Structures are given as structure tokens and as C-alpha cells.
Amino acid sequence: MVNHYLLLLSRFGLVGLVPFLALNITAIKKLVDSYKASIYSSDKWLVWCLSAGLLGSAAAILSIALWGPPLTIYYMIVGFCGVMPAVITKNRARARLAVSDQTGAAI
């Protein structure tokens, strides 16, 4: 078996490889943005765990091609990376609301 990048390149050509690489780069950018926006240590921990899962899977597919459940899990991790900024933003909004409730000031 070949690695996943070569499999995509041989099966779909550049038309398949370029969007796959763009998907991976976008997922990493979303994780970086999420980490910068996080204020809680639990959110930072979640971002680090997703980063480890994504980068570990990306390193693994350099040696083998993913089939079946591992491929599904990989795309689930990429999907989680895509929604992580929304999760972090929601937590920041809750923190601002809690602070405004404590001080009695309206935002």
C-alpha cells in the first residue's frame, strides 16, 4: 500500500489532492485560531487534544492509506477542528455574561 497522499494523487490527480491539502491546512488554521481565542485551560486542553489527533493521523497517513473506520475517524477529527472556533467563542460569550452578571453591568 502507498500513503494516503499518493493514493489520492493517483486516484483523483491534482483535482483531489489540492482540496485535501487545503482541508488539512484549514483545519490547522482553525485550531490555531481556537487556541488563541480560548480563555479557559479546559478549552486549551481540548484544542491540544484535537491537534494531537489531527497531526498524529496526518503523520500516520504518510506511511499508509486510510481505509474504513480510520478514514472516518480522520474526517471526524477534521470536522471537529472546523467547529472548534464556534465552541470556543460560545464559551467566551458565557464568560462575559457571567462577569456582567456579577458586576451588574450590561454588555
PDB file of N, CA and C in Angstrom:
ATOM      1  N   MET A   1       0.825  -1.185   0.000  1.00  0.00           N
ATOM      2  CA  MET A   1       0.000   0.000   0.000  1.00  0.00           C
ATOM      3  C   MET A   1       0.873   1.254   0.000  1.00  0.00           C
ATOM      4  N   VAL A   2       0.330   2.310  -0.538  1.00  0.00           N
ATOM      5  CA  VAL A   2       1.030   3.588  -0.574  1.00  0.00           C
ATOM      6  C   VAL A   2       0.423   4.518   0.467  1.00  0.00           C
ATOM      7  N   ASN A   3       1.070   5.642   0.657  1.00  0.00           N
ATOM      8  CA  ASN A   3       0.492   6.575   1.621  1.00  0.00           C
ATOM      9  C   ASN A   3      -0.759   7.226   1.046  1.00  0.00           C
ATOM     10  N   HIS A   4      -1.494   7.878   1.910  1.00  0.00           N
ATOM     11  CA  HIS A   4      -2.806   8.400   1.527  1.00  0.00           C
ATOM     12  C   HIS A   4      -2.694   9.528   0.502  1.00  0.00           C
ATOM     13  N   TYR A   5      -1.658  10.337   0.620  1.00  0.00           N
ATOM     14  CA  TYR A   5      -1.480  11.429  -0.330  1.00  0.00           C
ATOM     15  C   TYR A   5      -1.240  10.896  -1.741  1.00  0.00           C
ATOM     16  N   LEU A   6      -0.396   9.877  -1.861  1.00  0.00           N
ATOM     17  CA  LEU A   6      -0.149   9.273  -3.178  1.00  0.00           C
ATOM     18  C   LEU A   6      -1.388   8.555  -3.699  1.00  0.00           C
ATOM     19  N   LEU A   7      -2.159   7.963  -2.789  1.00  0.00           N
ATOM     20  CA  LEU A   7      -3.389   7.306  -3.207  1.00  0.00           C
ATOM     21  C   LEU A   7      -4.360   8.327  -3.793  1.00  0.00           C
ATOM     22  N   LEU A   8      -4.524   9.450  -3.111  1.00  0.00           N
ATOM     23  CA  LEU A   8      -5.397  10.496  -3.652  1.00  0.00           C
ATOM     24  C   LEU A   8      -4.873  11.037  -4.969  1.00  0.00           C
ATOM     25  N   LEU A   9      -3.568  11.221  -5.045  1.00  0.00           N
ATOM     26  CA  LEU A   9      -2.970  11.747  -6.272  1.00  0.00           C
ATOM     27  C   LEU A   9      -3.145  10.780  -7.435  1.00  0.00           C
ATOM     28  N   SER A  10      -2.961   9.496  -7.185  1.00  0.00           N
ATOM     29  CA  SER A  10      -3.097   8.531  -8.276  1.00  0.00           C
ATOM     30  C   SER A  10      -4.555   8.289  -8.660  1.00  0.00           C
ATOM     31  N   ARG A  11      -5.461   8.408  -7.704  1.00  0.00           N
ATOM     32  CA  ARG A  11      -6.869   8.145  -7.990  1.00  0.00           C
ATOM     33  C   ARG A  11      -7.562   9.367  -8.596  1.00  0.00           C
ATOM     34  N   PHE A  12      -7.317  10.557  -8.040  1.00  0.00           N
ATOM     35  CA  PHE A  12      -8.055  11.744  -8.459  1.00  0.00           C
ATOM     36  C   PHE A  12      -7.186  12.817  -9.104  1.00  0.00           C
ATOM     37  N   GLY A  13      -5.872  12.655  -9.046  1.00  0.00           N
ATOM     38  CA  GLY A  13      -4.976  13.659  -9.609  1.00  0.00           C
ATOM     39  C   GLY A  13      -4.901  14.881  -8.716  1.00  0.00           C
ATOM     40  N   LEU A  14      -4.443  15.972  -9.297  1.00  0.00           N
ATOM     41  CA  LEU A  14      -4.330  17.214  -8.533  1.00  0.00           C
ATOM     42  C   LEU A  14      -5.693  17.756  -8.121  1.00  0.00           C
ATOM     43  N   VAL A  15      -6.733  17.381  -8.859  1.00  0.00           N
ATOM     44  CA  VAL A  15      -8.089  17.823  -8.530  1.00  0.00           C
ATOM     45  C   VAL A  15      -8.525  17.278  -7.172  1.00  0.00           C
ATOM     46  N   GLY A  16      -8.018  16.139  -6.771  1.00  0.00           N
ATOM     47  CA  GLY A  16      -8.347  15.573  -5.468  1.00  0.00           C
ATOM     48  C   GLY A  16      -7.324  15.895  -4.394  1.00  0.00           C
ATOM     49  N   LEU A  17      -6.071  16.003  -4.786  1.00  0.00           N
ATOM     50  CA  LEU A  17      -5.020  16.237  -3.792  1.00  0.00           C
ATOM     51  C   LEU A  17      -5.030  17.668  -3.256  1.00  0.00           C
ATOM     52  N   VAL A  18      -5.221  18.637  -4.116  1.00  0.00           N
ATOM     53  CA  VAL A  18      -5.182  20.040  -3.684  1.00  0.00           C
ATOM     54  C   VAL A  18      -6.297  20.348  -2.674  1.00  0.00           C
ATOM     55  N   PRO A  19      -7.559  19.937  -2.900  1.00  0.00           N
ATOM     56  CA  PRO A  19      -8.573  20.189  -1.873  1.00  0.00           C
ATOM     57  C   PRO A  19      -8.302  19.446  -0.560  1.00  0.00           C
ATOM     58  N   PHE A  20      -7.721  18.256  -0.643  1.00  0.00           N
ATOM     59  CA  PHE A  20      -7.394  17.513   0.576  1.00  0.00           C
ATOM     60  C   PHE A  20      -6.326  18.253   1.376  1.00  0.00           C
ATOM     61  N   LEU A  21      -5.313  18.772   0.697  1.00  0.00           N
ATOM     62  CA  LEU A  21      -4.282  19.549   1.391  1.00  0.00           C
ATOM     63  C   LEU A  21      -4.856  20.857   1.934  1.00  0.00           C
ATOM     64  N   ALA A  22      -5.743  21.492   1.181  1.00  0.00           N
ATOM     65  CA  ALA A  22      -6.380  22.723   1.658  1.00  0.00           C
ATOM     66  C   ALA A  22      -7.253  22.448   2.871  1.00  0.00           C
ATOM     67  N   LEU A  23      -7.909  21.303   2.887  1.00  0.00           N
ATOM     68  CA  LEU A  23      -8.727  20.909   4.036  1.00  0.00           C
ATOM     69  C   LEU A  23      -7.862  20.750   5.282  1.00  0.00           C
ATOM     70  N   ASN A  24      -6.717  20.119   5.124  1.00  0.00           N
ATOM     71  CA  ASN A  24      -5.811  19.929   6.263  1.00  0.00           C
ATOM     72  C   ASN A  24      -5.244  21.259   6.753  1.00  0.00           C
ATOM     73  N   ILE A  25      -4.864  22.126   5.850  1.00  0.00           N
ATOM     74  CA  ILE A  25      -4.316  23.428   6.236  1.00  0.00           C
ATOM     75  C   ILE A  25      -5.379  24.269   6.929  1.00  0.00           C
ATOM     76  N   THR A  26      -6.609  24.231   6.428  1.00  0.00           N
ATOM     77  CA  THR A  26      -7.698  24.972   7.047  1.00  0.00           C
ATOM     78  C   THR A  26      -7.993  24.446   8.446  1.00  0.00           C
ATOM     79  N   ALA A  27      -7.949  23.129   8.629  1.00  0.00           N
ATOM     80  CA  ALA A  27      -8.187  22.554   9.957  1.00  0.00           C
ATOM     81  C   ALA A  27      -7.122  23.005  10.949  1.00  0.00           C
ATOM     82  N   ILE A  28      -5.878  23.055  10.507  1.00  0.00           N
ATOM     83  CA  ILE A  28      -4.795  23.507  11.393  1.00  0.00           C
ATOM     84  C   ILE A  28      -4.968  24.987  11.725  1.00  0.00           C
ATOM     85  N   LYS A  29      -5.357  25.797  10.739  1.00  0.00           N
ATOM     86  CA  LYS A  29      -5.583  27.221  10.996  1.00  0.00           C
ATOM     87  C   LYS A  29      -6.722  27.424  11.989  1.00  0.00           C
ATOM     88  N   LYS A  30      -7.781  26.627  11.866  1.00  0.00           N
ATOM     89  CA  LYS A  30      -8.904  26.727  12.803  1.00  0.00           C
ATOM     90  C   LYS A  30      -8.463  26.376  14.218  1.00  0.00           C
ATOM     91  N   LEU A  31      -7.600  25.375  14.344  1.00  0.00           N
ATOM     92  CA  LEU A  31      -7.106  25.011  15.672  1.00  0.00           C
ATOM     93  C   LEU A  31      -6.240  26.115  16.269  1.00  0.00           C
ATOM     94  N   VAL A  32      -5.414  26.728  15.447  1.00  0.00           N
ATOM     95  CA  VAL A  32      -4.575  27.828  15.936  1.00  0.00           C
ATOM     96  C   VAL A  32      -5.451  28.998  16.374  1.00  0.00           C
ATOM     97  N   ASP A  33      -6.458  29.328  15.581  1.00  0.00           N
ATOM     98  CA  ASP A  33      -7.368  30.412  15.943  1.00  0.00           C
ATOM     99  C   ASP A  33      -8.126  30.087  17.228  1.00  0.00           C
ATOM    100  N   SER A  34      -8.524  28.836  17.368  1.00  0.00           N
ATOM    101  CA  SER A  34      -9.240  28.418  18.573  1.00  0.00           C
ATOM    102  C   SER A  34      -8.356  28.514  19.798  1.00  0.00           C
ATOM    103  N   TYR A  35      -7.113  28.133  19.650  1.00  0.00           N
ATOM    104  CA  TYR A  35      -6.203  28.198  20.790  1.00  0.00           C
ATOM    105  C   TYR A  35      -5.957  29.646  21.205  1.00  0.00           C
ATOM    106  N   LYS A  36      -5.801  30.535  20.231  1.00  0.00           N
ATOM    107  CA  LYS A  36      -5.584  31.940  20.547  1.00  0.00           C
ATOM    108  C   LYS A  36      -6.807  32.570  21.207  1.00  0.00           C
ATOM    109  N   ALA A  37      -8.001  32.111  20.839  1.00  0.00           N
ATOM    110  CA  ALA A  37      -9.232  32.697  21.369  1.00  0.00           C
ATOM    111  C   ALA A  37      -9.651  32.095  22.708  1.00  0.00           C
ATOM    112  N   SER A  38      -9.074  30.973  23.089  1.00  0.00           N
ATOM    113  CA  SER A  38      -9.519  30.299  24.307  1.00  0.00           C
ATOM    114  C   SER A  38      -9.015  31.025  25.549  1.00  0.00           C
ATOM    115  N   ILE A  39      -9.883  31.075  26.563  1.00  0.00           N
ATOM    116  CA  ILE A  39      -9.513  31.712  27.825  1.00  0.00           C
ATOM    117  C   ILE A  39      -9.475  30.703  28.965  1.00  0.00           C
ATOM    118  N   TYR A  40     -10.133  29.589  28.794  1.00  0.00           N
ATOM    119  CA  TYR A  40     -10.136  28.548  29.822  1.00  0.00           C
ATOM    120  C   TYR A  40      -9.070  27.512  29.522  1.00  0.00           C
ATOM    121  N   SER A  41      -8.477  26.970  30.569  1.00  0.00           N
ATOM    122  CA  SER A  41      -7.471  25.924  30.365  1.00  0.00           C
ATOM    123  C   SER A  41      -8.105  24.650  29.813  1.00  0.00           C
ATOM    124  N   SER A  42      -9.365  24.409  30.136  1.00  0.00           N
ATOM    125  CA  SER A  42     -10.035  23.225  29.598  1.00  0.00           C
ATOM    126  C   SER A  42     -10.233  23.335  28.084  1.00  0.00           C
ATOM    127  N   ASP A  43     -10.487  24.550  27.604  1.00  0.00           N
ATOM    128  CA  ASP A  43     -10.603  24.748  26.154  1.00  0.00           C
ATOM    129  C   ASP A  43      -9.256  24.562  25.464  1.00  0.00           C
ATOM    130  N   LYS A  44      -8.207  25.074  26.095  1.00  0.00           N
ATOM    131  CA  LYS A  44      -6.873  24.894  25.523  1.00  0.00           C
ATOM    132  C   LYS A  44      -6.490  23.421  25.492  1.00  0.00           C
ATOM    133  N   TRP A  45      -6.869  22.694  26.534  1.00  0.00           N
ATOM    134  CA  TRP A  45      -6.591  21.264  26.572  1.00  0.00           C
ATOM    135  C   TRP A  45      -7.325  20.547  25.450  1.00  0.00           C
ATOM    136  N   LEU A  46      -8.576  20.915  25.206  1.00  0.00           N
ATOM    137  CA  LEU A  46      -9.356  20.301  24.130  1.00  0.00           C
ATOM    138  C   LEU A  46      -8.732  20.582  22.769  1.00  0.00           C
ATOM    139  N   VAL A  47      -8.261  21.807  22.575  1.00  0.00           N
ATOM    140  CA  VAL A  47      -7.606  22.157  21.308  1.00  0.00           C
ATOM    141  C   VAL A  47      -6.315  21.367  21.143  1.00  0.00           C
ATOM    142  N   TRP A  48      -5.550  21.223  22.230  1.00  0.00           N
ATOM    143  CA  TRP A  48      -4.316  20.438  22.149  1.00  0.00           C
ATOM    144  C   TRP A  48      -4.603  18.978  21.818  1.00  0.00           C
ATOM    145  N   CYS A  49      -5.659  18.423  22.401  1.00  0.00           N
ATOM    146  CA  CYS A  49      -6.018  17.022  22.112  1.00  0.00           C
ATOM    147  C   CYS A  49      -6.420  16.852  20.653  1.00  0.00           C
ATOM    148  N   LEU A  50      -7.215  17.777  20.138  1.00  0.00           N
ATOM    149  CA  LEU A  50      -7.582  17.707  18.723  1.00  0.00           C
ATOM    150  C   LEU A  50      -6.366  17.880  17.822  1.00  0.00           C
ATOM    151  N   SER A  51      -5.463  18.769  18.224  1.00  0.00           N
ATOM    152  CA  SER A  51      -4.232  18.956  17.441  1.00  0.00           C
ATOM    153  C   SER A  51      -3.410  17.679  17.407  1.00  0.00           C
ATOM    154  N   ALA A  52      -3.316  17.027  18.551  1.00  0.00           N
ATOM    155  CA  ALA A  52      -2.553  15.770  18.611  1.00  0.00           C
ATOM    156  C   ALA A  52      -3.197  14.702  17.744  1.00  0.00           C
ATOM    157  N   GLY A  53      -4.521  14.617  17.786  1.00  0.00           N
ATOM    158  CA  GLY A  53      -5.214  13.633  16.947  1.00  0.00           C
ATOM    159  C   GLY A  53      -5.056  13.914  15.472  1.00  0.00           C
ATOM    160  N   LEU A  54      -5.183  15.185  15.100  1.00  0.00           N
ATOM    161  CA  LEU A  54      -5.064  15.551  13.688  1.00  0.00           C
ATOM    162  C   LEU A  54      -3.645  15.351  13.177  1.00  0.00           C
ATOM    163  N   LEU A  55      -2.664  15.861  13.914  1.00  0.00           N
ATOM    164  CA  LEU A  55      -1.284  15.742  13.449  1.00  0.00           C
ATOM    165  C   LEU A  55      -0.783  14.302  13.524  1.00  0.00           C
ATOM    166  N   GLY A  56      -1.243  13.543  14.507  1.00  0.00           N
ATOM    167  CA  GLY A  56      -0.877  12.126  14.568  1.00  0.00           C
ATOM    168  C   GLY A  56      -1.440  11.350  13.390  1.00  0.00           C
ATOM    169  N   SER A  57      -2.683  11.636  13.052  1.00  0.00           N
ATOM    170  CA  SER A  57      -3.282  10.969  11.889  1.00  0.00           C
ATOM    171  C   SER A  57      -2.620  11.415  10.593  1.00  0.00           C
ATOM    172  N   ALA A  58      -2.299  12.714  10.504  1.00  0.00           N
ATOM    173  CA  ALA A  58      -1.629  13.206   9.298  1.00  0.00           C
ATOM    174  C   ALA A  58      -0.248  12.573   9.141  1.00  0.00           C
ATOM    175  N   ALA A  59       0.435  12.345  10.257  1.00  0.00           N
ATOM    176  CA  ALA A  59       1.738  11.670  10.183  1.00  0.00           C
ATOM    177  C   ALA A  59       1.564  10.207   9.820  1.00  0.00           C
ATOM    178  N   ALA A  60       0.505   9.587  10.309  1.00  0.00           N
ATOM    179  CA  ALA A  60       0.274   8.164  10.019  1.00  0.00           C
ATOM    180  C   ALA A  60      -0.057   7.943   8.546  1.00  0.00           C
ATOM    181  N   ILE A  61      -0.788   8.880   7.950  1.00  0.00           N
ATOM    182  CA  ILE A  61      -1.155   8.660   6.551  1.00  0.00           C
ATOM    183  C   ILE A  61       0.001   8.962   5.601  1.00  0.00           C
ATOM    184  N   LEU A  62       1.128   9.402   6.142  1.00  0.00           N
ATOM    185  CA  LEU A  62       2.319   9.487   5.300  1.00  0.00           C
ATOM    186  C   LEU A  62       2.867   8.098   4.985  1.00  0.00           C
ATOM    187  N   SER A  63       2.556   7.122   5.840  1.00  0.00           N
ATOM    188  CA  SER A  63       3.101   5.786   5.625  1.00  0.00           C
ATOM    189  C   SER A  63       2.080   4.799   5.070  1.00  0.00           C
ATOM    190  N   ILE A  64       0.805   4.999   5.370  1.00  0.00           N
ATOM    191  CA  ILE A  64      -0.224   4.072   4.882  1.00  0.00           C
ATOM    192  C   ILE A  64      -1.414   4.862   4.371  1.00  0.00           C
ATOM    193  N   ALA A  65      -2.257   4.202   3.610  1.00  0.00           N
ATOM    194  CA  ALA A  65      -3.509   4.808   3.173  1.00  0.00           C
ATOM    195  C   ALA A  65      -4.598   4.391   4.154  1.00  0.00           C
ATOM    196  N   LEU A  66      -5.478   5.299   4.461  1.00  0.00           N
ATOM    197  CA  LEU A  66      -6.555   5.005   5.400  1.00  0.00           C
ATOM    198  C   LEU A  66      -7.720   4.361   4.666  1.00  0.00           C
ATOM    199  N   TRP A  67      -8.304   3.351   5.296  1.00  0.00           N
ATOM    200  CA  TRP A  67      -9.469   2.668   4.764  1.00  0.00           C
ATOM    201  C   TRP A  67     -10.448   2.441   5.899  1.00  0.00           C
ATOM    202  N   GLY A  68     -11.728   2.516   5.614  1.00  0.00           N
ATOM    203  CA  GLY A  68     -12.758   2.155   6.575  1.00  0.00           C
ATOM    204  C   GLY A  68     -12.820   3.081   7.778  1.00  0.00           C
ATOM    205  N   PRO A  69     -12.932   2.483   8.971  1.00  0.00           N
ATOM    206  CA  PRO A  69     -13.104   3.291  10.186  1.00  0.00           C
ATOM    207  C   PRO A  69     -11.998   4.313  10.449  1.00  0.00           C
ATOM    208  N   PRO A  70     -10.716   4.025  10.234  1.00  0.00           N
ATOM    209  CA  PRO A  70      -9.713   5.073  10.467  1.00  0.00           C
ATOM    210  C   PRO A  70      -9.908   6.295   9.576  1.00  0.00           C
ATOM    211  N   LEU A  71     -10.361   6.095   8.346  1.00  0.00           N
ATOM    212  CA  LEU A  71     -10.621   7.222   7.458  1.00  0.00           C
ATOM    213  C   LEU A  71     -11.808   8.038   7.967  1.00  0.00           C
ATOM    214  N   THR A  72     -12.833   7.359   8.456  1.00  0.00           N
ATOM    215  CA  THR A  72     -13.994   8.047   9.025  1.00  0.00           C
ATOM    216  C   THR A  72     -13.587   8.855  10.251  1.00  0.00           C
ATOM    217  N   ILE A  73     -12.773   8.280  11.107  1.00  0.00           N
ATOM    218  CA  ILE A  73     -12.313   8.978  12.309  1.00  0.00           C
ATOM    219  C   ILE A  73     -11.467  10.186  11.924  1.00  0.00           C
ATOM    220  N   TYR A  74     -10.639  10.049  10.912  1.00  0.00           N
ATOM    221  CA  TYR A  74      -9.818  11.173  10.464  1.00  0.00           C
ATOM    222  C   TYR A  74     -10.690  12.343  10.028  1.00  0.00           C
ATOM    223  N   TYR A  75     -11.716  12.068   9.228  1.00  0.00           N
ATOM    224  CA  TYR A  75     -12.590  13.149   8.778  1.00  0.00           C
ATOM    225  C   TYR A  75     -13.456  13.693   9.916  1.00  0.00           C
ATOM    226  N   MET A  76     -13.770  12.870  10.901  1.00  0.00           N
ATOM    227  CA  MET A  76     -14.475  13.374  12.084  1.00  0.00           C
ATOM    228  C   MET A  76     -13.588  14.350  12.852  1.00  0.00           C
ATOM    229  N   ILE A  77     -12.309  14.032  12.988  1.00  0.00           N
ATOM    230  CA  ILE A  77     -11.376  14.945  13.662  1.00  0.00           C
ATOM    231  C   ILE A  77     -11.274  16.255  12.901  1.00  0.00           C
ATOM    232  N   VAL A  78     -11.206  16.184  11.575  1.00  0.00           N
ATOM    233  CA  VAL A  78     -11.153  17.401  10.759  1.00  0.00           C
ATOM    234  C   VAL A  78     -12.431  18.220  10.946  1.00  0.00           C
ATOM    235  N   GLY A  79     -13.562  17.546  11.032  1.00  0.00           N
ATOM    236  CA  GLY A  79     -14.824  18.243  11.278  1.00  0.00           C
ATOM    237  C   GLY A  79     -14.861  18.908  12.647  1.00  0.00           C
ATOM    238  N   PHE A  80     -14.348  18.214  13.657  1.00  0.00           N
ATOM    239  CA  PHE A  80     -14.273  18.814  14.992  1.00  0.00           C
ATOM    240  C   PHE A  80     -13.376  20.040  14.984  1.00  0.00           C
ATOM    241  N   CYS A  81     -12.312  19.985  14.216  1.00  0.00           N
ATOM    242  CA  CYS A  81     -11.416  21.145  14.108  1.00  0.00           C
ATOM    243  C   CYS A  81     -12.143  22.328  13.479  1.00  0.00           C
ATOM    244  N   GLY A  82     -13.021  22.048  12.534  1.00  0.00           N
ATOM    245  CA  GLY A  82     -13.755  23.115  11.860  1.00  0.00           C
ATOM    246  C   GLY A  82     -14.744  23.835  12.757  1.00  0.00           C
ATOM    247  N   VAL A  83     -15.349  23.125  13.702  1.00  0.00           N
ATOM    248  CA  VAL A  83     -16.336  23.764  14.578  1.00  0.00           C
ATOM    249  C   VAL A  83     -15.737  24.248  15.893  1.00  0.00           C
ATOM    250  N   MET A  84     -14.468  23.973  16.122  1.00  0.00           N
ATOM    251  CA  MET A  84     -13.855  24.358  17.392  1.00  0.00           C
ATOM    252  C   MET A  84     -13.884  25.869  17.644  1.00  0.00           C
ATOM    253  N   PRO A  85     -13.670  26.745  16.653  1.00  0.00           N
ATOM    254  CA  PRO A  85     -13.786  28.176  16.948  1.00  0.00           C
ATOM    255  C   PRO A  85     -15.177  28.569  17.455  1.00  0.00           C
ATOM    256  N   ALA A  86     -16.219  27.935  16.952  1.00  0.00           N
ATOM    257  CA  ALA A  86     -17.575  28.238  17.428  1.00  0.00           C
ATOM    258  C   ALA A  86     -17.754  27.799  18.879  1.00  0.00           C
ATOM    259  N   VAL A  87     -17.176  26.673  19.239  1.00  0.00           N
ATOM    260  CA  VAL A  87     -17.260  26.195  20.616  1.00  0.00           C
ATOM    261  C   VAL A  87     -16.525  27.149  21.548  1.00  0.00           C
ATOM    262  N   ILE A  88     -15.337  27.560  21.159  1.00  0.00           N
ATOM    263  CA  ILE A  88     -14.545  28.467  21.983  1.00  0.00           C
ATOM    264  C   ILE A  88     -15.239  29.824  22.111  1.00  0.00           C
ATOM    265  N   THR A  89     -15.798  30.331  21.020  1.00  0.00           N
ATOM    266  CA  THR A  89     -16.489  31.618  21.046  1.00  0.00           C
ATOM    267  C   THR A  89     -17.706  31.561  21.955  1.00  0.00           C
ATOM    268  N   LYS A  90     -18.415  30.441  21.944  1.00  0.00           N
ATOM    269  CA  LYS A  90     -19.575  30.287  22.821  1.00  0.00           C
ATOM    270  C   LYS A  90     -19.142  30.316  24.279  1.00  0.00           C
ATOM    271  N   ASN A  91     -18.031  29.683  24.597  1.00  0.00           N
ATOM    272  CA  ASN A  91     -17.532  29.701  25.970  1.00  0.00           C
ATOM    273  C   ASN A  91     -17.083  31.100  26.384  1.00  0.00           C
ATOM    274  N   ARG A  92     -16.498  31.848  25.452  1.00  0.00           N
ATOM    275  CA  ARG A  92     -16.095  33.223  25.771  1.00  0.00           C
ATOM    276  C   ARG A  92     -17.322  34.089  26.031  1.00  0.00           C
ATOM    277  N   ALA A  93     -18.386  33.881  25.251  1.00  0.00           N
ATOM    278  CA  ALA A  93     -19.613  34.648  25.465  1.00  0.00           C
ATOM    279  C   ALA A  93     -20.220  34.320  26.827  1.00  0.00           C
ATOM    280  N   ARG A  94     -20.178  33.054  27.215  1.00  0.00           N
ATOM    281  CA  ARG A  94     -20.672  32.674  28.544  1.00  0.00           C
ATOM    282  C   ARG A  94     -19.853  33.329  29.640  1.00  0.00           C
ATOM    283  N   ALA A  95     -18.551  33.408  29.453  1.00  0.00           N
ATOM    284  CA  ALA A  95     -17.681  34.027  30.467  1.00  0.00           C
ATOM    285  C   ALA A  95     -17.987  35.514  30.582  1.00  0.00           C
ATOM    286  N   ARG A  96     -18.197  36.193  29.455  1.00  0.00           N
ATOM    287  CA  ARG A  96     -18.537  37.616  29.511  1.00  0.00           C
ATOM    288  C   ARG A  96     -19.883  37.834  30.183  1.00  0.00           C
ATOM    289  N   LEU A  97     -20.837  36.945  29.911  1.00  0.00           N
ATOM    290  CA  LEU A  97     -22.153  37.058  30.525  1.00  0.00           C
ATOM    291  C   LEU A  97     -22.071  36.841  32.029  1.00  0.00           C
ATOM    292  N   ALA A  98     -21.260  35.883  32.445  1.00  0.00           N
ATOM    293  CA  ALA A  98     -21.096  35.631  33.866  1.00  0.00           C
ATOM    294  C   ALA A  98     -20.450  36.819  34.562  1.00  0.00           C
ATOM    295  N   VAL A  99     -19.482  37.438  33.927  1.00  0.00           N
ATOM    296  CA  VAL A  99     -18.825  38.607  34.515  1.00  0.00           C
ATOM    297  C   VAL A  99     -19.803  39.770  34.595  1.00  0.00           C
ATOM    298  N   SER A 100     -20.587  39.976  33.559  1.00  0.00           N
ATOM    299  CA  SER A 100     -21.547  41.077  33.581  1.00  0.00           C
ATOM    300  C   SER A 100     -22.639  40.840  34.626  1.00  0.00           C
ATOM    301  N   ASP A 101     -23.024  39.589  34.861  1.00  0.00           N
ATOM    302  CA  ASP A 101     -23.996  39.278  35.906  1.00  0.00           C
ATOM    303  C   ASP A 101     -23.432  39.569  37.290  1.00  0.00           C
ATOM    304  N   GLN A 102     -22.149  39.318  37.466  1.00  0.00           N
ATOM    305  CA  GLN A 102     -21.532  39.545  38.763  1.00  0.00           C
ATOM    306  C   GLN A 102     -21.361  41.037  39.050  1.00  0.00           C
ATOM    307  N   THR A 103     -21.051  41.795  38.016  1.00  0.00           N
ATOM    308  CA  THR A 103     -20.827  43.240  38.222  1.00  0.00           C
ATOM    309  C   THR A 103     -22.116  44.036  38.105  1.00  0.00           C
ATOM    310  N   GLY A 104     -23.139  43.455  37.512  1.00  0.00           N
ATOM    311  CA  GLY A 104     -24.404  44.157  37.352  1.00  0.00           C
ATOM    312  C   GLY A 104     -24.432  45.076  36.163  1.00  0.00           C
ATOM    313  N   ALA A 105     -23.401  45.061  35.366  1.00  0.00           N
ATOM    314  CA  ALA A 105     -23.334  45.925  34.184  1.00  0.00           C
ATOM    315  C   ALA A 105     -23.864  45.175  32.982  1.00  0.00           C
ATOM    316  N   ALA A 106     -24.486  45.892  32.102  1.00  0.00           N
ATOM    317  CA  ALA A 106     -24.980  45.287  30.866  1.00  0.00           C
ATOM    318  C   ALA A 106     -23.922  45.413  29.792  1.00  0.00           C
ATOM    319  N   ILE A 107     -23.836  44.395  28.976  1.00  0.00           N
ATOM    320  CA  ILE A 107     -22.862  44.406  27.863  1.00  0.00           C
ATOM    321  C   ILE A 107     -23.535  44.930  26.624  1.00  0.00           C
TER     322      ILE A 107
END
